[in-house]
PDB file of all heavy atoms in Angstrom:
ATOM      1  N   LYS A   1     -16.823   5.982  -4.257  1.00  0.00           N
ATOM      2  CA  LYS A   1     -18.110   5.313  -4.094  1.00  0.00           C
ATOM      3  C   LYS A   1     -17.906   3.828  -3.796  1.00  0.00           C
ATOM      4  O   LYS A   1     -18.642   3.234  -2.987  1.00  0.00           O
ATOM      5  CB  LYS A   1     -18.954   5.490  -5.346  1.00  0.00           C
ATOM      6  CG  LYS A   1     -20.357   4.906  -5.221  1.00  0.00           C
ATOM      7  CD  LYS A   1     -21.208   5.204  -6.442  1.00  0.00           C
ATOM      8  CE  LYS A   1     -22.610   4.627  -6.276  1.00  0.00           C
ATOM      9  NZ  LYS A   1     -23.456   4.874  -7.474  1.00  0.00           N
ATOM     10  N   LEU A   2     -16.932   3.235  -4.447  1.00  0.00           N
ATOM     11  CA  LEU A   2     -16.662   1.807  -4.248  1.00  0.00           C
ATOM     12  C   LEU A   2     -15.963   1.530  -2.920  1.00  0.00           C
ATOM     13  O   LEU A   2     -16.232   0.516  -2.267  1.00  0.00           O
ATOM     14  CB  LEU A   2     -15.787   1.274  -5.387  1.00  0.00           C
ATOM     15  CG  LEU A   2     -16.419   1.214  -6.773  1.00  0.00           C
ATOM     16  CD1 LEU A   2     -15.345   0.917  -7.815  1.00  0.00           C
ATOM     17  CD2 LEU A   2     -17.501   0.146  -6.821  1.00  0.00           C
ATOM     18  N   ALA A   3     -15.042   2.416  -2.549  1.00  0.00           N
ATOM     19  CA  ALA A   3     -14.226   2.198  -1.347  1.00  0.00           C
ATOM     20  C   ALA A   3     -13.794   3.548  -0.792  1.00  0.00           C
ATOM     21  O   ALA A   3     -12.729   4.060  -1.158  1.00  0.00           O
ATOM     22  CB  ALA A   3     -13.004   1.338  -1.690  1.00  0.00           C
ATOM     23  N   PRO A   4     -14.604   4.154   0.072  1.00  0.00           N
ATOM     24  CA  PRO A   4     -14.264   5.471   0.622  1.00  0.00           C
ATOM     25  C   PRO A   4     -12.934   5.458   1.373  1.00  0.00           C
ATOM     26  O   PRO A   4     -12.525   4.448   1.948  1.00  0.00           O
ATOM     27  CB  PRO A   4     -15.431   5.753   1.580  1.00  0.00           C
ATOM     28  CG  PRO A   4     -16.547   4.872   1.110  1.00  0.00           C
ATOM     29  CD  PRO A   4     -15.893   3.643   0.553  1.00  0.00           C
ATOM     30  N   ASP A   5     -12.261   6.604   1.328  1.00  0.00           N
ATOM     31  CA  ASP A   5     -11.010   6.805   2.089  1.00  0.00           C
ATOM     32  C   ASP A   5      -9.929   5.798   1.698  1.00  0.00           C
ATOM     33  O   ASP A   5      -9.145   5.351   2.544  1.00  0.00           O
ATOM     34  CB  ASP A   5     -11.280   6.723   3.601  1.00  0.00           C
ATOM     35  CG  ASP A   5     -12.315   7.731   4.058  1.00  0.00           C
ATOM     36  OD1 ASP A   5     -12.273   8.872   3.568  1.00  0.00           O
ATOM     37  OD2 ASP A   5     -13.173   7.367   4.878  1.00  0.00           O
ATOM     38  N   THR A   6      -9.874   5.477   0.418  1.00  0.00           N
ATOM     39  CA  THR A   6      -8.883   4.518  -0.067  1.00  0.00           C
ATOM     40  C   THR A   6      -7.563   5.186  -0.418  1.00  0.00           C
ATOM     41  O   THR A   6      -6.501   4.587  -0.283  1.00  0.00           O
ATOM     42  CB  THR A   6      -9.444   3.795  -1.317  1.00  0.00           C
ATOM     43  OG1 THR A   6     -10.559   3.008  -0.910  1.00  0.00           O
ATOM     44  CG2 THR A   6      -8.411   2.897  -1.953  1.00  0.00           C
ATOM     45  N   VAL A   7      -7.627   6.438  -0.886  1.00  0.00           N
ATOM     46  CA  VAL A   7      -6.429   7.140  -1.342  1.00  0.00           C
ATOM     47  C   VAL A   7      -5.775   7.869  -0.184  1.00  0.00           C
ATOM     48  O   VAL A   7      -6.420   8.666   0.509  1.00  0.00           O
ATOM     49  CB  VAL A   7      -6.773   8.128  -2.470  1.00  0.00           C
ATOM     50  CG1 VAL A   7      -5.511   8.850  -2.948  1.00  0.00           C
ATOM     51  CG2 VAL A   7      -7.439   7.414  -3.639  1.00  0.00           C
ATOM     52  N   GLN A   8      -4.491   7.625   0.021  1.00  0.00           N
ATOM     53  CA  GLN A   8      -3.725   8.312   1.060  1.00  0.00           C
ATOM     54  C   GLN A   8      -2.670   9.176   0.388  1.00  0.00           C
ATOM     55  O   GLN A   8      -1.724   8.661  -0.223  1.00  0.00           O
ATOM     56  CB  GLN A   8      -3.057   7.304   2.006  1.00  0.00           C
ATOM     57  CG  GLN A   8      -2.279   7.966   3.142  1.00  0.00           C
ATOM     58  CD  GLN A   8      -1.727   6.952   4.129  1.00  0.00           C
ATOM     59  OE1 GLN A   8      -2.243   5.840   4.245  1.00  0.00           O
ATOM     60  NE2 GLN A   8      -0.660   7.324   4.833  1.00  0.00           N
ATOM     61  N   VAL A   9      -2.827  10.494   0.456  1.00  0.00           N
ATOM     62  CA  VAL A   9      -1.892  11.409  -0.188  1.00  0.00           C
ATOM     63  C   VAL A   9      -0.730  11.716   0.755  1.00  0.00           C
ATOM     64  O   VAL A   9      -0.766  11.402   1.948  1.00  0.00           O
ATOM     65  CB  VAL A   9      -2.598  12.710  -0.611  1.00  0.00           C
ATOM     66  CG1 VAL A   9      -3.682  12.420  -1.642  1.00  0.00           C
ATOM     67  CG2 VAL A   9      -3.190  13.437   0.589  1.00  0.00           C
ATOM     68  N   GLY A  10       0.308  12.333   0.202  1.00  0.00           N
ATOM     69  CA  GLY A  10       1.487  12.669   0.997  1.00  0.00           C
ATOM     70  C   GLY A  10       2.206  11.456   1.526  1.00  0.00           C
ATOM     71  O   GLY A  10       2.868  11.531   2.568  1.00  0.00           O
ATOM     72  N   THR A  11       2.102  10.356   0.817  1.00  0.00           N
ATOM     73  CA  THR A  11       2.680   9.088   1.269  1.00  0.00           C
ATOM     74  C   THR A  11       3.553   8.511   0.168  1.00  0.00           C
ATOM     75  O   THR A  11       3.070   8.239  -0.937  1.00  0.00           O
ATOM     76  CB  THR A  11       1.567   8.077   1.617  1.00  0.00           C
ATOM     77  OG1 THR A  11       0.677   8.673   2.561  1.00  0.00           O
ATOM     78  CG2 THR A  11       2.161   6.814   2.201  1.00  0.00           C
ATOM     79  N   GLN A  12       4.830   8.302   0.472  1.00  0.00           N
ATOM     80  CA  GLN A  12       5.772   7.843  -0.543  1.00  0.00           C
ATOM     81  C   GLN A  12       6.351   6.477  -0.184  1.00  0.00           C
ATOM     82  O   GLN A  12       6.831   6.273   0.932  1.00  0.00           O
ATOM     83  CB  GLN A  12       6.908   8.859  -0.708  1.00  0.00           C
ATOM     84  CG  GLN A  12       7.833   8.551  -1.876  1.00  0.00           C
ATOM     85  CD  GLN A  12       8.816   9.683  -2.135  1.00  0.00           C
ATOM     86  OE1 GLN A  12       8.781  10.713  -1.457  1.00  0.00           O
ATOM     87  NE2 GLN A  12       9.690   9.500  -3.114  1.00  0.00           N
ATOM     88  N   ALA A  13       6.284   5.561  -1.128  1.00  0.00           N
ATOM     89  CA  ALA A  13       6.887   4.246  -0.921  1.00  0.00           C
ATOM     90  C   ALA A  13       8.391   4.332  -1.130  1.00  0.00           C
ATOM     91  O   ALA A  13       8.869   4.998  -2.047  1.00  0.00           O
ATOM     92  CB  ALA A  13       6.272   3.234  -1.881  1.00  0.00           C
ATOM     93  N   ALA A  14       9.143   3.631  -0.268  1.00  0.00           N
ATOM     94  CA  ALA A  14      10.607   3.626  -0.378  1.00  0.00           C
ATOM     95  C   ALA A  14      11.131   2.327  -0.966  1.00  0.00           C
ATOM     96  O   ALA A  14      12.100   2.320  -1.728  1.00  0.00           O
ATOM     97  CB  ALA A  14      11.233   3.865   0.998  1.00  0.00           C
ATOM     98  N   SER A  15      10.482   1.195  -0.615  1.00  0.00           N
ATOM     99  CA  SER A  15      10.973  -0.101  -1.072  1.00  0.00           C
ATOM    100  C   SER A  15       9.914  -1.157  -0.772  1.00  0.00           C
ATOM    101  O   SER A  15       8.865  -0.860  -0.186  1.00  0.00           O
ATOM    102  CB  SER A  15      12.280  -0.475  -0.369  1.00  0.00           C
ATOM    103  OG  SER A  15      12.074  -0.610   1.039  1.00  0.00           O
ATOM    104  N   TYR A  16      10.207  -2.384  -1.162  1.00  0.00           N
ATOM    105  CA  TYR A  16       9.342  -3.506  -0.807  1.00  0.00           C
ATOM    106  C   TYR A  16      10.202  -4.716  -0.486  1.00  0.00           C
ATOM    107  O   TYR A  16      11.351  -4.828  -0.921  1.00  0.00           O
ATOM    108  CB  TYR A  16       8.356  -3.827  -1.930  1.00  0.00           C
ATOM    109  CG  TYR A  16       8.991  -4.279  -3.226  1.00  0.00           C
ATOM    110  CD1 TYR A  16       9.356  -5.615  -3.425  1.00  0.00           C
ATOM    111  CD2 TYR A  16       9.230  -3.381  -4.266  1.00  0.00           C
ATOM    112  CE1 TYR A  16       9.947  -6.030  -4.604  1.00  0.00           C
ATOM    113  CE2 TYR A  16       9.824  -3.792  -5.448  1.00  0.00           C
ATOM    114  CZ  TYR A  16      10.177  -5.116  -5.612  1.00  0.00           C
ATOM    115  OH  TYR A  16      10.769  -5.532  -6.780  1.00  0.00           O
ATOM    116  N   THR A  17       9.623  -5.618   0.286  1.00  0.00           N
ATOM    117  CA  THR A  17      10.262  -6.902   0.568  1.00  0.00           C
ATOM    118  C   THR A  17       9.216  -7.996   0.419  1.00  0.00           C
ATOM    119  O   THR A  17       8.021  -7.764   0.595  1.00  0.00           O
ATOM    120  CB  THR A  17      10.859  -6.947   1.984  1.00  0.00           C
ATOM    121  OG1 THR A  17       9.815  -6.718   2.947  1.00  0.00           O
ATOM    122  CG2 THR A  17      11.935  -5.893   2.168  1.00  0.00           C
ATOM    123  N   HIS A  18       9.685  -9.172   0.076  1.00  0.00           N
ATOM    124  CA  HIS A  18       8.773 -10.298  -0.091  1.00  0.00           C
ATOM    125  C   HIS A  18       8.660 -11.074   1.216  1.00  0.00           C
ATOM    126  O   HIS A  18       9.608 -11.144   2.003  1.00  0.00           O
ATOM    127  CB  HIS A  18       9.298 -11.240  -1.178  1.00  0.00           C
ATOM    128  CG  HIS A  18       9.491 -10.579  -2.505  1.00  0.00           C
ATOM    129  ND1 HIS A  18       8.435 -10.200  -3.311  1.00  0.00           N
ATOM    130  CD2 HIS A  18      10.615 -10.219  -3.173  1.00  0.00           C
ATOM    131  CE1 HIS A  18       8.903  -9.649  -4.409  1.00  0.00           C
ATOM    132  NE2 HIS A  18      10.221  -9.643  -4.359  1.00  0.00           N
ATOM    133  N   HIS A  19       7.490 -11.642   1.454  1.00  0.00           N
ATOM    134  CA  HIS A  19       7.372 -12.631   2.529  1.00  0.00           C
ATOM    135  C   HIS A  19       6.577 -13.818   1.988  1.00  0.00           C
ATOM    136  O   HIS A  19       6.196 -13.844   0.808  1.00  0.00           O
ATOM    137  CB  HIS A  19       6.777 -12.035   3.804  1.00  0.00           C
ATOM    138  CG  HIS A  19       5.417 -11.430   3.648  1.00  0.00           C
ATOM    139  ND1 HIS A  19       4.263 -12.183   3.542  1.00  0.00           N
ATOM    140  CD2 HIS A  19       5.007 -10.134   3.591  1.00  0.00           C
ATOM    141  CE1 HIS A  19       3.222 -11.387   3.442  1.00  0.00           C
ATOM    142  NE2 HIS A  19       3.642 -10.141   3.467  1.00  0.00           N
ATOM    143  N   THR A  20       6.319 -14.785   2.798  1.00  0.00           N
ATOM    144  CA  THR A  20       5.829 -16.083   2.325  1.00  0.00           C
ATOM    145  C   THR A  20       4.594 -15.996   1.460  1.00  0.00           C
ATOM    146  O   THR A  20       4.505 -16.614   0.405  1.00  0.00           O
ATOM    147  CB  THR A  20       5.538 -17.007   3.531  1.00  0.00           C
ATOM    148  OG1 THR A  20       6.705 -17.084   4.342  1.00  0.00           O
ATOM    149  CG2 THR A  20       5.165 -18.401   3.047  1.00  0.00           C
ATOM    150  N   HIS A  21       3.610 -15.201   1.868  1.00  0.00           N
ATOM    151  CA  HIS A  21       2.341 -15.174   1.148  1.00  0.00           C
ATOM    152  C   HIS A  21       1.999 -13.812   0.559  1.00  0.00           C
ATOM    153  O   HIS A  21       0.849 -13.575   0.190  1.00  0.00           O
ATOM    154  CB  HIS A  21       1.204 -15.619   2.075  1.00  0.00           C
ATOM    155  CG  HIS A  21       1.367 -17.012   2.585  1.00  0.00           C
ATOM    156  ND1 HIS A  21       1.301 -18.116   1.762  1.00  0.00           N
ATOM    157  CD2 HIS A  21       1.615 -17.478   3.844  1.00  0.00           C
ATOM    158  CE1 HIS A  21       1.495 -19.207   2.478  1.00  0.00           C
ATOM    159  NE2 HIS A  21       1.673 -18.856   3.742  1.00  0.00           N
ATOM    160  N   GLY A  22       2.975 -12.908   0.485  1.00  0.00           N
ATOM    161  CA  GLY A  22       2.643 -11.600  -0.042  1.00  0.00           C
ATOM    162  C   GLY A  22       3.834 -10.682  -0.116  1.00  0.00           C
ATOM    163  O   GLY A  22       4.958 -11.113  -0.388  1.00  0.00           O
ATOM    164  N   VAL A  23       3.577  -9.410   0.153  1.00  0.00           N
ATOM    165  CA  VAL A  23       4.610  -8.390   0.001  1.00  0.00           C
ATOM    166  C   VAL A  23       4.467  -7.373   1.125  1.00  0.00           C
ATOM    167  O   VAL A  23       3.374  -7.141   1.647  1.00  0.00           O
ATOM    168  CB  VAL A  23       4.480  -7.701  -1.383  1.00  0.00           C
ATOM    169  CG1 VAL A  23       3.134  -7.009  -1.531  1.00  0.00           C
ATOM    170  CG2 VAL A  23       5.617  -6.737  -1.637  1.00  0.00           C
ATOM    171  N   ARG A  24       5.582  -6.793   1.481  1.00  0.00           N
ATOM    172  CA  ARG A  24       5.625  -5.759   2.531  1.00  0.00           C
ATOM    173  C   ARG A  24       6.184  -4.489   1.895  1.00  0.00           C
ATOM    174  O   ARG A  24       7.300  -4.478   1.389  1.00  0.00           O
ATOM    175  CB  ARG A  24       6.498  -6.224   3.681  1.00  0.00           C
ATOM    176  CG  ARG A  24       6.621  -5.262   4.838  1.00  0.00           C
ATOM    177  CD  ARG A  24       7.133  -6.001   6.057  1.00  0.00           C
ATOM    178  NE  ARG A  24       6.125  -6.932   6.547  1.00  0.00           N
ATOM    179  CZ  ARG A  24       6.408  -8.059   7.244  1.00  0.00           C
ATOM    180  NH1 ARG A  24       7.671  -8.382   7.479  1.00  0.00           N
ATOM    181  NH2 ARG A  24       5.426  -8.826   7.660  1.00  0.00           N
TER     182      ARG A  24
END
């Protein structure tokens, strides 16, 4: 109700990297 289509299933994170103002 707050944010339709927000959840993406079948999706796995492998890693993250930092950048100047956030994260990748």
